[in-house]
Amino acid sequence: MVGKAFVSGEFGRFLLTGGVAAGVNVMARWLLSHAVVYELAVALAYLVGMATAYCLSRAFVFERSGRSVADEAARFALVNVVALAQVWVVSVGLARLVFPAVGFVWHAEDVAHLIGVAIPAVTSYFGHRHFSFAVRRGGGR
């Protein structure tokens, strides 16, 4: 019962759509890693995941804000700049510093990136809820 209520709520839908976007992000990073260095692949893949997350969040998670798509997308991108910093620092920090220091080698870049992608889930939700998709109040400009 609690699980059903959780998934049917806004935060649950955000986590589900975010999970799909995270999967797209991780797959894109894996593919990009065959062409560019890991650090750049993490950043480029994040952009692919972010575009996926915006489309899914707009369609399935948040109510209409009354803002233009361009305004919402710009706000979404601003929130994601903070999230990208979190993802990049955690992913690269784990893969290049922490995991080598502790001798962890089993798919180290993949594990580091999965952990990095999961880190900003809560901060991003609140940023998108209260900024990206916040309902426009009043007379607007």
C-alpha atoms as a PDB file:
ATOM      1  CA  MET A   1       0.000   0.000   0.000  1.00  0.00           C
ATOM      2  CA  VAL A   2       2.742   2.462   0.945  1.00  0.00           C
ATOM      3  CA  GLY A   3       4.737   1.529  -2.175  1.00  0.00           C
ATOM      4  CA  LYS A   4       1.775   2.215  -4.449  1.00  0.00           C
ATOM      5  CA  ALA A   5       1.156   5.602  -2.836  1.00  0.00           C
ATOM      6  CA  PHE A   6       4.846   6.445  -3.120  1.00  0.00           C
ATOM      7  CA  VAL A   7       5.041   5.631  -6.828  1.00  0.00           C
ATOM      8  CA  SER A   8       1.775   7.375  -7.615  1.00  0.00           C
ATOM      9  CA  GLY A   9       2.962  10.567  -5.904  1.00  0.00           C
ATOM     10  CA  GLU A  10       4.985  13.270  -7.577  1.00  0.00           C
ATOM     11  CA  PHE A  11       8.287  12.311  -5.928  1.00  0.00           C
ATOM     12  CA  GLY A  12       7.787   8.660  -6.852  1.00  0.00           C
ATOM     13  CA  ARG A  13       7.084   9.587 -10.473  1.00  0.00           C
ATOM     14  CA  PHE A  14      10.174  11.813 -10.371  1.00  0.00           C
ATOM     15  CA  LEU A  15      12.310   8.916  -9.149  1.00  0.00           C
ATOM     16  CA  LEU A  16      10.907   6.547 -11.788  1.00  0.00           C
ATOM     17  CA  THR A  17      11.393   8.968 -14.680  1.00  0.00           C
ATOM     18  CA  GLY A  18      14.760   9.955 -13.220  1.00  0.00           C
ATOM     19  CA  GLY A  19      15.712   6.284 -13.173  1.00  0.00           C
ATOM     20  CA  VAL A  20      14.927   6.003 -16.862  1.00  0.00           C
ATOM     21  CA  ALA A  21      16.922   9.175 -17.583  1.00  0.00           C
ATOM     22  CA  ALA A  22      19.781   7.860 -15.436  1.00  0.00           C
ATOM     23  CA  GLY A  23      19.782   4.646 -17.461  1.00  0.00           C
ATOM     24  CA  VAL A  24      19.999   6.685 -20.659  1.00  0.00           C
ATOM     25  CA  ASN A  25      22.802   8.727 -19.081  1.00  0.00           C
ATOM     26  CA  VAL A  26      24.808   5.659 -18.046  1.00  0.00           C
ATOM     27  CA  MET A  27      24.347   3.950 -21.422  1.00  0.00           C
ATOM     28  CA  ALA A  28      25.363   7.121 -23.263  1.00  0.00           C
ATOM     29  CA  ARG A  29      28.462   7.416 -21.053  1.00  0.00           C
ATOM     30  CA  TRP A  30      29.396   3.825 -21.763  1.00  0.00           C
ATOM     31  CA  LEU A  31      29.059   4.398 -25.510  1.00  0.00           C
ATOM     32  CA  LEU A  32      30.881   7.737 -25.397  1.00  0.00           C
ATOM     33  CA  SER A  33      33.724   6.203 -23.385  1.00  0.00           C
ATOM     34  CA  HIS A  34      34.697   4.309 -26.536  1.00  0.00           C
ATOM     35  CA  ALA A  35      35.320   7.615 -28.311  1.00  0.00           C
ATOM     36  CA  VAL A  36      36.385  10.150 -25.647  1.00  0.00           C
ATOM     37  CA  VAL A  37      38.060  10.161 -22.221  1.00  0.00           C
ATOM     38  CA  TYR A  38      35.935   9.173 -19.219  1.00  0.00           C
ATOM     39  CA  GLU A  39      35.758  12.690 -17.739  1.00  0.00           C
ATOM     40  CA  LEU A  40      34.347  14.146 -20.973  1.00  0.00           C
ATOM     41  CA  ALA A  41      32.064  11.146 -21.488  1.00  0.00           C
ATOM     42  CA  VAL A  42      30.498  11.745 -18.044  1.00  0.00           C
ATOM     43  CA  ALA A  43      29.739  15.382 -18.917  1.00  0.00           C
ATOM     44  CA  LEU A  44      28.409  14.659 -22.431  1.00  0.00           C
ATOM     45  CA  ALA A  45      26.274  11.752 -21.261  1.00  0.00           C
ATOM     46  CA  TYR A  46      24.803  13.976 -18.590  1.00  0.00           C
ATOM     47  CA  LEU A  47      23.442  16.265 -21.316  1.00  0.00           C
ATOM     48  CA  VAL A  48      21.746  13.308 -23.027  1.00  0.00           C
ATOM     49  CA  GLY A  49      20.252  12.175 -19.721  1.00  0.00           C
ATOM     50  CA  MET A  50      19.178  15.729 -18.898  1.00  0.00           C
ATOM     51  CA  ALA A  51      17.244  16.086 -22.155  1.00  0.00           C
ATOM     52  CA  THR A  52      15.540  12.759 -21.448  1.00  0.00           C
ATOM     53  CA  ALA A  53      14.747  13.825 -17.876  1.00  0.00           C
ATOM     54  CA  TYR A  54      13.249  17.141 -19.007  1.00  0.00           C
ATOM     55  CA  CYS A  55      10.896  15.487 -21.486  1.00  0.00           C
ATOM     56  CA  LEU A  56       9.802  12.812 -19.006  1.00  0.00           C
ATOM     57  CA  SER A  57       9.429  15.259 -16.093  1.00  0.00           C
ATOM     58  CA  ARG A  58       7.343  17.644 -18.172  1.00  0.00           C
ATOM     59  CA  ALA A  59       5.129  14.840 -19.470  1.00  0.00           C
ATOM     60  CA  PHE A  60       4.699  12.660 -16.379  1.00  0.00           C
ATOM     61  CA  VAL A  61       5.796  14.360 -13.171  1.00  0.00           C
ATOM     62  CA  PHE A  62       5.055  18.043 -12.766  1.00  0.00           C
ATOM     63  CA  GLU A  63       1.903  20.063 -13.341  1.00  0.00           C
ATOM     64  CA  ARG A  64       1.946  22.695 -16.056  1.00  0.00           C
ATOM     65  CA  SER A  65       3.772  25.776 -14.826  1.00  0.00           C
ATOM     66  CA  GLY A  66       2.254  28.317 -17.196  1.00  0.00           C
ATOM     67  CA  ARG A  67       5.756  29.131 -18.433  1.00  0.00           C
ATOM     68  CA  SER A  68       7.016  28.671 -21.960  1.00  0.00           C
ATOM     69  CA  VAL A  69       8.913  25.511 -22.841  1.00  0.00           C
ATOM     70  CA  ALA A  70      12.024  27.665 -23.359  1.00  0.00           C
ATOM     71  CA  ASP A  71      11.683  29.196 -19.876  1.00  0.00           C
ATOM     72  CA  GLU A  72      11.114  25.809 -18.246  1.00  0.00           C
ATOM     73  CA  ALA A  73      14.000  24.265 -20.157  1.00  0.00           C
ATOM     74  CA  ALA A  74      16.354  27.103 -19.167  1.00  0.00           C
ATOM     75  CA  ARG A  75      15.351  26.734 -15.523  1.00  0.00           C
ATOM     76  CA  PHE A  76      15.717  22.956 -15.797  1.00  0.00           C
ATOM     77  CA  ALA A  77      19.211  23.426 -17.222  1.00  0.00           C
ATOM     78  CA  LEU A  78      20.202  25.746 -14.348  1.00  0.00           C
ATOM     79  CA  VAL A  79      19.150  23.185 -11.750  1.00  0.00           C
ATOM     80  CA  ASN A  80      21.034  20.548 -13.713  1.00  0.00           C
ATOM     81  CA  VAL A  81      24.254  22.577 -13.767  1.00  0.00           C
ATOM     82  CA  VAL A  82      24.363  22.061 -10.002  1.00  0.00           C
ATOM     83  CA  ALA A  83      23.476  18.383 -10.399  1.00  0.00           C
ATOM     84  CA  LEU A  84      26.109  17.930 -13.128  1.00  0.00           C
ATOM     85  CA  ALA A  85      28.748  19.297 -10.769  1.00  0.00           C
ATOM     86  CA  GLN A  86      27.649  16.771  -8.140  1.00  0.00           C
ATOM     87  CA  VAL A  87      27.640  13.893 -10.639  1.00  0.00           C
ATOM     88  CA  TRP A  88      31.015  14.824 -12.124  1.00  0.00           C
ATOM     89  CA  VAL A  89      32.812  15.320  -8.795  1.00  0.00           C
ATOM     90  CA  VAL A  90      31.464  12.060  -7.353  1.00  0.00           C
ATOM     91  CA  SER A  91      31.968   9.991 -10.541  1.00  0.00           C
ATOM     92  CA  VAL A  92      35.462  11.218 -11.298  1.00  0.00           C
ATOM     93  CA  GLY A  93      36.476  11.400  -7.634  1.00  0.00           C
ATOM     94  CA  LEU A  94      35.492   7.796  -7.037  1.00  0.00           C
ATOM     95  CA  ALA A  95      36.945   6.467 -10.316  1.00  0.00           C
ATOM     96  CA  ARG A  96      40.233   8.369 -10.197  1.00  0.00           C
ATOM     97  CA  LEU A  97      40.952   8.797  -6.468  1.00  0.00           C
ATOM     98  CA  VAL A  98      38.891   6.682  -4.085  1.00  0.00           C
ATOM     99  CA  PHE A  99      38.610   3.382  -5.936  1.00  0.00           C
ATOM    100  CA  PRO A 100      42.325   3.209  -6.874  1.00  0.00           C
ATOM    101  CA  ALA A 101      43.249   4.065  -3.275  1.00  0.00           C
ATOM    102  CA  VAL A 102      41.210   1.157  -1.905  1.00  0.00           C
ATOM    103  CA  GLY A 103      42.071  -1.263  -4.722  1.00  0.00           C
ATOM    104  CA  PHE A 104      38.553  -1.442  -6.161  1.00  0.00           C
ATOM    105  CA  VAL A 105      38.857  -2.343  -9.856  1.00  0.00           C
ATOM    106  CA  TRP A 106      35.682  -4.264 -10.793  1.00  0.00           C
ATOM    107  CA  HIS A 107      33.986  -1.997 -13.375  1.00  0.00           C
ATOM    108  CA  ALA A 108      35.284   0.967 -11.387  1.00  0.00           C
ATOM    109  CA  GLU A 109      34.207   3.647 -13.879  1.00  0.00           C
ATOM    110  CA  ASP A 110      30.742   2.134 -14.275  1.00  0.00           C
ATOM    111  CA  VAL A 111      30.185   1.800 -10.514  1.00  0.00           C
ATOM    112  CA  ALA A 112      31.528   5.309  -9.897  1.00  0.00           C
ATOM    113  CA  HIS A 113      29.206   6.740 -12.538  1.00  0.00           C
ATOM    114  CA  LEU A 114      26.147   4.891 -11.221  1.00  0.00           C
ATOM    115  CA  ILE A 115      26.820   6.260  -7.738  1.00  0.00           C
ATOM    116  CA  GLY A 116      27.428   9.742  -9.140  1.00  0.00           C
ATOM    117  CA  VAL A 117      24.173   9.742 -11.109  1.00  0.00           C
ATOM    118  CA  ALA A 118      22.181   8.712  -8.015  1.00  0.00           C
ATOM    119  CA  ILE A 119      23.594  11.433  -5.751  1.00  0.00           C
ATOM    120  CA  PRO A 120      21.535  14.468  -6.896  1.00  0.00           C
ATOM    121  CA  ALA A 121      18.104  12.768  -6.888  1.00  0.00           C
ATOM    122  CA  VAL A 122      16.682  14.654  -3.894  1.00  0.00           C
ATOM    123  CA  THR A 123      18.309  18.041  -4.539  1.00  0.00           C
ATOM    124  CA  SER A 124      17.202  17.945  -8.170  1.00  0.00           C
ATOM    125  CA  TYR A 125      13.624  17.075  -7.247  1.00  0.00           C
ATOM    126  CA  PHE A 126      13.292  20.120  -5.009  1.00  0.00           C
ATOM    127  CA  GLY A 127      15.047  22.344  -7.531  1.00  0.00           C
ATOM    128  CA  HIS A 128      12.715  21.273 -10.309  1.00  0.00           C
ATOM    129  CA  ARG A 129       9.603  21.376  -8.150  1.00  0.00           C
ATOM    130  CA  HIS A 130      10.246  24.843  -6.755  1.00  0.00           C
ATOM    131  CA  PHE A 131      12.094  26.440  -9.668  1.00  0.00           C
ATOM    132  CA  SER A 132      12.053  24.638 -13.039  1.00  0.00           C
ATOM    133  CA  PHE A 133       8.366  23.734 -13.023  1.00  0.00           C
ATOM    134  CA  ALA A 134       7.137  26.185 -10.390  1.00  0.00           C
ATOM    135  CA  VAL A 135       3.700  27.478 -11.265  1.00  0.00           C
ATOM    136  CA  ARG A 136       3.874  31.017 -12.559  1.00  0.00           C
ATOM    137  CA  ARG A 137       2.038  33.320 -10.164  1.00  0.00           C
ATOM    138  CA  GLY A 138       0.399  36.657 -10.827  1.00  0.00           C
ATOM    139  CA  GLY A 139       0.400  38.822 -13.928  1.00  0.00           C
ATOM    140  CA  GLY A 140       3.746  37.733 -15.297  1.00  0.00           C
ATOM    141  CA  ARG A 141       5.794  39.791 -17.762  1.00  0.00           C
END
